[in-house]
């Protein structure tokens, strides 16, 4: 089992920055991919960025060049650095983990953290 806890959300003005953290516990050695998702009111959840255990990263077109996903030195934390934030980035952000041996679905999710971009 894997447990995930997000932190770092908040209210920021357009053009500002935030760094989200996703702390994992439990059988973290089994995690092969961590993804950051977001869901805005009335919209479908979308994958924002993901990072594999090998360090490969992918980003949604809407955040390329503005967001960076990375792993912390402690290896149980994944960060999402968000720069040049726009009002359309407003959403609840979730981290999710994919575990070896459990298929291709993200089976483990955090509780989410609210990001609001507004002046």
C-alpha atoms as a PDB file:
ATOM      1  CA  UNK A   1       0.000   0.000   0.000  1.00  0.00           C
ATOM      2  CA  UNK A   2       1.062   3.537  -0.761  1.00  0.00           C
ATOM      3  CA  UNK A   3      -0.141   6.702   0.908  1.00  0.00           C
ATOM      4  CA  UNK A   4       0.227  10.117  -0.711  1.00  0.00           C
ATOM      5  CA  UNK A   5      -0.116  13.550   0.862  1.00  0.00           C
ATOM      6  CA  UNK A   6      -0.029  16.780  -1.156  1.00  0.00           C
ATOM      7  CA  UNK A   7       0.842  20.203   0.178  1.00  0.00           C
ATOM      8  CA  UNK A   8       1.798  23.643  -1.076  1.00  0.00           C
ATOM      9  CA  UNK A   9      -1.381  24.891  -2.670  1.00  0.00           C
ATOM     10  CA  UNK A  10      -2.786  28.341  -2.106  1.00  0.00           C
ATOM     11  CA  UNK A  11      -3.804  31.643  -3.635  1.00  0.00           C
ATOM     12  CA  UNK A  12      -1.368  33.324  -6.000  1.00  0.00           C
ATOM     13  CA  UNK A  13      -1.590  36.227  -8.431  1.00  0.00           C
ATOM     14  CA  UNK A  14      -1.268  35.670 -12.181  1.00  0.00           C
ATOM     15  CA  UNK A  15       2.376  35.391 -13.129  1.00  0.00           C
ATOM     16  CA  UNK A  16       3.293  34.055  -9.711  1.00  0.00           C
ATOM     17  CA  UNK A  17       4.770  30.732  -8.644  1.00  0.00           C
ATOM     18  CA  UNK A  18       3.934  27.859  -6.330  1.00  0.00           C
ATOM     19  CA  UNK A  19       5.648  24.598  -5.505  1.00  0.00           C
ATOM     20  CA  UNK A  20       3.503  21.591  -4.723  1.00  0.00           C
ATOM     21  CA  UNK A  21       4.862  18.628  -2.791  1.00  0.00           C
ATOM     22  CA  UNK A  22       3.711  15.018  -2.820  1.00  0.00           C
ATOM     23  CA  UNK A  23       5.018  12.939   0.077  1.00  0.00           C
ATOM     24  CA  UNK A  24       4.754   9.178  -0.284  1.00  0.00           C
ATOM     25  CA  UNK A  25       4.817   6.555   2.451  1.00  0.00           C
ATOM     26  CA  UNK A  26       4.290   2.829   2.649  1.00  0.00           C
ATOM     27  CA  UNK A  27       5.734   0.543  -0.011  1.00  0.00           C
ATOM     28  CA  UNK A  28       7.353   3.389  -1.929  1.00  0.00           C
ATOM     29  CA  UNK A  29       9.900   1.061  -3.516  1.00  0.00           C
ATOM     30  CA  UNK A  30       7.080  -0.320  -5.673  1.00  0.00           C
ATOM     31  CA  UNK A  31       6.207   3.069  -7.202  1.00  0.00           C
ATOM     32  CA  UNK A  32       7.252   3.306 -10.862  1.00  0.00           C
ATOM     33  CA  UNK A  33       5.498   6.532 -11.867  1.00  0.00           C
ATOM     34  CA  UNK A  34       4.111   9.562 -10.051  1.00  0.00           C
ATOM     35  CA  UNK A  35       1.755  11.889 -11.800  1.00  0.00           C
ATOM     36  CA  UNK A  36       0.276  15.276 -10.981  1.00  0.00           C
ATOM     37  CA  UNK A  37      -3.329  15.683 -12.070  1.00  0.00           C
ATOM     38  CA  UNK A  38      -5.673  18.614 -11.766  1.00  0.00           C
ATOM     39  CA  UNK A  39      -9.398  19.094 -11.902  1.00  0.00           C
ATOM     40  CA  UNK A  40     -11.116  22.426 -12.311  1.00  0.00           C
ATOM     41  CA  UNK A  41     -14.822  22.925 -11.517  1.00  0.00           C
ATOM     42  CA  UNK A  42     -16.973  21.511 -14.276  1.00  0.00           C
ATOM     43  CA  UNK A  43     -14.005  20.042 -16.125  1.00  0.00           C
ATOM     44  CA  UNK A  44     -12.529  16.590 -16.470  1.00  0.00           C
ATOM     45  CA  UNK A  45      -9.451  15.638 -14.526  1.00  0.00           C
ATOM     46  CA  UNK A  46      -6.318  16.004 -16.617  1.00  0.00           C
ATOM     47  CA  UNK A  47      -2.758  14.796 -16.320  1.00  0.00           C
ATOM     48  CA  UNK A  48      -0.425  17.756 -15.870  1.00  0.00           C
ATOM     49  CA  UNK A  49       2.945  16.040 -15.532  1.00  0.00           C
ATOM     50  CA  UNK A  50       4.455  12.710 -14.650  1.00  0.00           C
ATOM     51  CA  UNK A  51       7.842  11.332 -13.692  1.00  0.00           C
ATOM     52  CA  UNK A  52       9.066   7.756 -13.771  1.00  0.00           C
ATOM     53  CA  UNK A  53      11.375   6.023 -11.347  1.00  0.00           C
ATOM     54  CA  UNK A  54      14.071   6.424 -13.985  1.00  0.00           C
ATOM     55  CA  UNK A  55      13.536  10.168 -14.108  1.00  0.00           C
ATOM     56  CA  UNK A  56      11.726  10.475 -17.446  1.00  0.00           C
ATOM     57  CA  UNK A  57       9.185  13.264 -17.512  1.00  0.00           C
ATOM     58  CA  UNK A  58       6.141  14.218 -19.583  1.00  0.00           C
ATOM     59  CA  UNK A  59       4.018  17.352 -19.529  1.00  0.00           C
ATOM     60  CA  UNK A  60       0.668  18.467 -20.812  1.00  0.00           C
ATOM     61  CA  UNK A  61       1.035  20.975 -23.643  1.00  0.00           C
ATOM     62  CA  UNK A  62      -0.751  23.593 -21.563  1.00  0.00           C
ATOM     63  CA  UNK A  63       2.014  23.634 -18.923  1.00  0.00           C
ATOM     64  CA  UNK A  64       5.167  22.939 -20.935  1.00  0.00           C
ATOM     65  CA  UNK A  65       7.845  25.492 -20.222  1.00  0.00           C
ATOM     66  CA  UNK A  66       6.054  26.705 -17.074  1.00  0.00           C
ATOM     67  CA  UNK A  67       5.806  23.643 -14.817  1.00  0.00           C
ATOM     68  CA  UNK A  68       8.590  21.295 -13.730  1.00  0.00           C
ATOM     69  CA  UNK A  69       8.163  17.935 -12.042  1.00  0.00           C
ATOM     70  CA  UNK A  70      11.071  16.569 -10.022  1.00  0.00           C
ATOM     71  CA  UNK A  71      12.004  14.117  -7.321  1.00  0.00           C
ATOM     72  CA  UNK A  72      13.354  15.223  -3.987  1.00  0.00           C
ATOM     73  CA  UNK A  73      16.630  14.083  -2.498  1.00  0.00           C
ATOM     74  CA  UNK A  74      14.748  12.055   0.086  1.00  0.00           C
ATOM     75  CA  UNK A  75      13.268  10.005  -2.783  1.00  0.00           C
ATOM     76  CA  UNK A  76       9.857   9.826  -1.147  1.00  0.00           C
ATOM     77  CA  UNK A  77       8.812  13.278  -2.365  1.00  0.00           C
ATOM     78  CA  UNK A  78       7.855  14.545  -5.789  1.00  0.00           C
ATOM     79  CA  UNK A  79       7.543  18.250  -6.504  1.00  0.00           C
ATOM     80  CA  UNK A  80       5.644  20.281  -9.047  1.00  0.00           C
ATOM     81  CA  UNK A  81       7.187  23.704  -9.534  1.00  0.00           C
ATOM     82  CA  UNK A  82       4.645  25.968 -11.180  1.00  0.00           C
ATOM     83  CA  UNK A  83       5.794  29.277 -12.664  1.00  0.00           C
ATOM     84  CA  UNK A  84       4.056  31.944 -14.706  1.00  0.00           C
ATOM     85  CA  UNK A  85       0.724  30.827 -13.322  1.00  0.00           C
ATOM     86  CA  UNK A  86      -2.446  31.730 -15.173  1.00  0.00           C
ATOM     87  CA  UNK A  87      -6.052  31.916 -13.978  1.00  0.00           C
ATOM     88  CA  UNK A  88      -6.783  28.814 -16.050  1.00  0.00           C
ATOM     89  CA  UNK A  89      -4.361  26.868 -13.843  1.00  0.00           C
ATOM     90  CA  UNK A  90      -6.864  27.175 -11.008  1.00  0.00           C
ATOM     91  CA  UNK A  91      -7.856  23.675  -9.932  1.00  0.00           C
ATOM     92  CA  UNK A  92      -7.505  21.030  -7.269  1.00  0.00           C
ATOM     93  CA  UNK A  93      -4.174  19.334  -7.844  1.00  0.00           C
ATOM     94  CA  UNK A  94      -3.712  15.668  -7.005  1.00  0.00           C
ATOM     95  CA  UNK A  95      -0.678  13.447  -7.019  1.00  0.00           C
ATOM     96  CA  UNK A  96      -1.093   9.824  -7.983  1.00  0.00           C
ATOM     97  CA  UNK A  97       1.150   6.786  -8.032  1.00  0.00           C
ATOM     98  CA  UNK A  98       1.423   3.832 -10.331  1.00  0.00           C
ATOM     99  CA  UNK A  99       2.830   0.721  -8.735  1.00  0.00           C
ATOM    100  CA  UNK A 100       4.718  -2.154 -10.311  1.00  0.00           C
ATOM    101  CA  UNK A 101       2.605  -5.276 -10.495  1.00  0.00           C
ATOM    102  CA  UNK A 102      -0.724  -3.451 -10.351  1.00  0.00           C
ATOM    103  CA  UNK A 103      -1.205  -2.677 -14.015  1.00  0.00           C
ATOM    104  CA  UNK A 104      -1.081   0.689 -15.735  1.00  0.00           C
ATOM    105  CA  UNK A 105      -3.639   2.550 -13.654  1.00  0.00           C
ATOM    106  CA  UNK A 106      -2.809   5.151 -11.045  1.00  0.00           C
ATOM    107  CA  UNK A 107      -4.211   3.229  -8.098  1.00  0.00           C
ATOM    108  CA  UNK A 108      -3.078   5.528  -5.299  1.00  0.00           C
ATOM    109  CA  UNK A 109      -4.191   9.127  -4.887  1.00  0.00           C
ATOM    110  CA  UNK A 110      -3.676  11.942  -2.461  1.00  0.00           C
ATOM    111  CA  UNK A 111      -6.451  14.101  -1.053  1.00  0.00           C
ATOM    112  CA  UNK A 112      -5.677  17.054  -3.312  1.00  0.00           C
ATOM    113  CA  UNK A 113      -4.552  20.617  -2.747  1.00  0.00           C
ATOM    114  CA  UNK A 114      -6.323  23.722  -4.039  1.00  0.00           C
ATOM    115  CA  UNK A 115      -4.466  26.121  -6.312  1.00  0.00           C
ATOM    116  CA  UNK A 116      -6.190  29.412  -7.063  1.00  0.00           C
ATOM    117  CA  UNK A 117      -4.692  31.927  -9.468  1.00  0.00           C
ATOM    118  CA  UNK A 118      -6.452  35.254  -9.188  1.00  0.00           C
ATOM    119  CA  UNK A 119      -5.758  38.936  -8.804  1.00  0.00           C
END
